[in-house]
Amino acid sequence: MQIKFEELAKAIANKLENSYLITGDEIWQQQQCIKLISDAAKKNKFQINQTLHLDKDDAWQQFSLKSNNTSLFSNKNLYKINLTKNKISKQALKILEQYWSSNDNDTIIIIICPKLSASEKKLSWVQKFDKNAVVLQIWPLFPNQIPAWINSRLKHYNFSADNQTIN
């Protein structure tokens, strides 16, 4: 399921999903998405675990062991996974498919990767993410969007400014 950056807060308020893919080159918006998801997870008693850099199969295997190591008394966990390339192996995809099929409500994963090209959006792992998770494609703001964005950020922090100041 694809949603826009502006829709994330409302979507999380309705339901916190177990996996998110955040892609794009706009770092501030990426960090805001991660913060929104992490804050919602904390409110739901999730522990925020380390950020994992998973570009190799052995690292994915370690993630699989960590995320599957649950017991009656284990904690709810959120994992942030950074991909430096827009590619994952067949083994990594298999681990993700197992995770999705388990319907694990005690683990949330956030995968962060660079902007996906049009051809990369057609890759099987991206398509499977689209079917099983929330996909956030982060786009830079266009100049005509900046005043509205500034105004929304000011409102978020309970500030205001007149149009002349914003423009």
Foldseek 3Di string as FASTA:
>chain_A
DEDELVCQLVVVVVPQAQEEEEEEDPVVSVVVSVVSNVVSVVVVQEDEDDEAEDPDLVSLVVVLCVVPPDDPPDAQYEYEYEYADLDDDPSSLVSVVVVLVVRDPSYHYYYYYYHADPVSCPDPSNVVCVVRHYYYYDDDDDPVCQLVVVQVVCVVVPHHDDSVVSD
